[in-house]
Protein backbone atom coordinates (compact mmCIF):
# COMPACT_ATOMS: atom_id res chain seq x y z
CA MET A 1 0.00 0.00 0.00
CA PRO A 2 1.40 3.48 -0.86
CA LYS A 3 2.30 5.54 2.16
CA LEU A 4 3.11 9.19 3.03
CA ASP A 5 4.82 10.15 6.26
CA HIS A 6 4.81 13.82 7.30
CA LEU A 7 7.75 14.37 9.66
CA ARG A 8 8.51 17.13 12.13
CA PRO A 9 12.13 16.43 13.13
CA CYS A 10 13.25 17.25 16.67
CA GLY A 11 15.33 20.40 16.79
CA LEU A 12 13.57 22.06 13.82
CA HIS A 13 11.00 24.82 14.32
CA HIS A 14 7.40 23.62 14.00
CA ASN A 15 5.58 25.72 11.39
CA PRO A 16 1.94 24.68 10.82
CA ALA A 17 2.07 25.90 7.21
CA TYR A 18 4.42 23.11 6.05
CA PHE A 19 6.35 19.99 7.02
CA HIS A 20 10.13 19.84 6.91
CA VAL A 21 10.09 16.30 5.51
CA VAL A 22 7.55 14.21 3.62
CA THR A 23 8.47 10.66 2.64
CA ALA A 24 6.58 8.65 0.04
CA THR A 25 6.73 4.98 -0.80
CA GLY A 26 4.96 2.75 -3.30
CA ALA A 27 3.25 5.31 -5.55
CA ARG A 28 3.53 7.20 -8.82
CA THR A 29 5.40 10.52 -8.71
CA ILE A 30 4.25 13.55 -10.72
CA TYR A 31 6.24 16.75 -11.30
CA THR A 32 4.51 19.93 -12.43
CA SER A 33 6.04 22.82 -14.27
CA GLY A 34 5.93 26.13 -12.47
CA GLN A 35 2.44 27.58 -12.74
CA VAL A 36 1.92 31.31 -13.18
CA SER A 37 -0.98 33.75 -13.04
CA VAL A 38 -2.47 33.48 -16.50
CA ASP A 39 -5.88 32.33 -17.66
CA GLU A 40 -6.59 29.72 -20.35
CA GLU A 41 -6.03 32.35 -23.06
CA GLY A 42 -2.63 33.37 -21.62
CA ARG A 43 -3.89 36.68 -20.20
CA ILE A 44 -2.42 37.88 -16.91
CA VAL A 45 -4.75 37.59 -13.89
CA GLY A 46 -4.31 40.01 -10.99
CA GLU A 47 -1.75 42.25 -12.65
CA GLY A 48 0.43 43.91 -10.02
CA ASP A 49 -1.37 42.20 -7.09
CA LEU A 50 0.25 39.23 -5.35
CA ALA A 51 -2.90 37.88 -3.63
CA PRO A 52 -5.03 37.25 -6.75
CA GLN A 53 -1.95 36.08 -8.64
CA THR A 54 -1.27 33.48 -5.94
CA THR A 55 -4.89 32.31 -6.08
CA GLN A 56 -4.75 32.00 -9.89
CA VAL A 57 -1.44 30.12 -9.68
CA MET A 58 -2.95 27.64 -7.21
CA GLN A 59 -6.03 27.21 -9.42
CA ASN A 60 -3.75 26.54 -12.40
CA LEU A 61 -1.79 24.06 -10.31
CA GLY A 62 -5.08 22.30 -9.51
CA ARG A 63 -5.86 22.05 -13.22
CA ALA A 64 -2.43 20.54 -13.88
CA LEU A 65 -2.95 18.05 -11.05
CA LYS A 66 -6.40 17.09 -12.33
CA ALA A 67 -4.94 16.35 -15.77
CA ALA A 68 -2.61 13.86 -14.08
CA GLY A 69 -5.44 12.35 -12.01
CA ALA A 70 -4.25 13.97 -8.75
CA THR A 71 -5.42 16.60 -6.26
CA TYR A 72 -3.89 19.10 -3.83
CA ALA A 73 -3.94 16.32 -1.21
CA ASN A 74 -1.35 14.45 -3.31
CA ILE A 75 1.21 17.30 -3.22
CA VAL A 76 4.26 16.42 -1.14
CA LYS A 77 6.49 19.41 -2.02
CA VAL A 78 5.97 22.90 -3.43
CA THR A 79 8.57 25.42 -4.47
CA THR A 80 7.37 29.02 -4.66
CA PHE A 81 9.29 31.73 -6.51
CA VAL A 82 8.35 35.34 -5.67
CA VAL A 83 9.63 38.44 -7.47
CA GLY A 84 11.14 40.99 -5.09
CA TYR A 85 10.34 38.89 -2.04
CA LYS A 86 10.19 40.60 1.36
CA PRO A 87 9.09 38.90 4.60
CA GLU A 88 5.92 41.00 4.74
CA LEU A 89 4.73 39.23 1.55
CA ARG A 90 4.68 35.80 3.20
CA PRO A 91 1.28 36.27 4.94
CA ILE A 92 -0.30 37.31 1.61
CA ILE A 93 1.02 34.17 -0.08
CA GLY A 94 0.17 31.97 2.89
CA LYS A 95 -3.43 33.18 3.11
CA ALA A 96 -4.09 32.62 -0.60
CA ARG A 97 -2.31 29.25 -0.65
CA SER A 98 -3.72 27.84 2.60
CA ALA A 99 -7.28 27.76 1.25
CA PHE A 100 -6.19 25.02 -1.17
CA PHE A 101 -4.76 22.83 1.63
CA GLU A 102 -7.53 23.36 4.20
CA GLY A 103 -8.32 20.24 6.20
CA MET A 104 -5.24 18.33 5.04
CA GLU A 105 -1.57 18.02 5.91
CA PRO A 106 0.43 20.80 4.23
CA PRO A 107 3.29 19.75 1.96
CA ALA A 108 6.99 20.35 2.40
CA SER A 109 7.64 23.86 1.10
CA THR A 110 10.39 26.16 -0.11
CA LEU A 111 9.97 29.88 -0.80
CA VAL A 112 12.57 31.59 -2.99
CA GLY A 113 12.87 35.30 -3.68
CA VAL A 114 13.88 36.05 -7.28
CA SER A 115 14.63 39.20 -9.24
CA ALA A 116 12.35 38.25 -12.15
CA LEU A 117 10.31 35.47 -13.72
CA ALA A 118 9.97 34.64 -17.43
CA ALA A 119 7.41 37.45 -17.99
CA SER A 120 7.62 40.84 -16.30
CA GLU A 121 3.91 40.75 -15.22
CA TRP A 122 4.31 37.56 -13.20
CA LEU A 123 4.91 38.06 -9.48
CA ILE A 124 4.77 34.41 -8.37
CA GLU A 125 5.38 30.93 -9.77
CA ILE A 126 4.72 27.64 -7.98
CA GLU A 127 5.82 24.13 -8.93
CA ALA A 128 4.89 20.90 -7.18
CA VAL A 129 6.01 17.34 -6.63
CA VAL A 130 3.05 15.02 -6.27
CA VAL A 131 2.66 11.43 -5.11
CA ASP A 132 -0.42 9.64 -6.43
CA HIS A 133 -1.43 6.94 -3.94
CA ARG A 134 -3.93 5.38 -6.31
CA HIS A 135 -1.19 4.14 -8.61
CA GLU A 136 0.70 1.75 -6.41
CA LEU A 137 3.99 0.57 -7.82
CA SER A 138 5.16 -3.02 -7.53
CA PRO A 139 8.39 -3.61 -5.61
């Protein structure tokens, strides 16, 4: 049976927004490309505003997951890239992102401040590593 273990190692600060370690065994692994704040037509959503851009990015991530037969609950690791990151931006990102993980264990997470993304309008990009428990792998 596929299994996920969410670990909070002794000696590391406990942050309820993420786990330091998530282990996965016996399941299919999915990697998403970084998702950005554009709609289906490629138009920017939430220009200049981090909160709606984060929400759009998470919605796009959900669409990518659905195409692979997975959900937010299957995410084990996210990497978030934020243009011009400052610590006061973290609550904005956290509030928008947390709605998508409500009622479930949050994934391992890394937040990286960057000087720019591939398009100047994009403020945030999020990629994910996903473990799909429904596709058990044979040993």
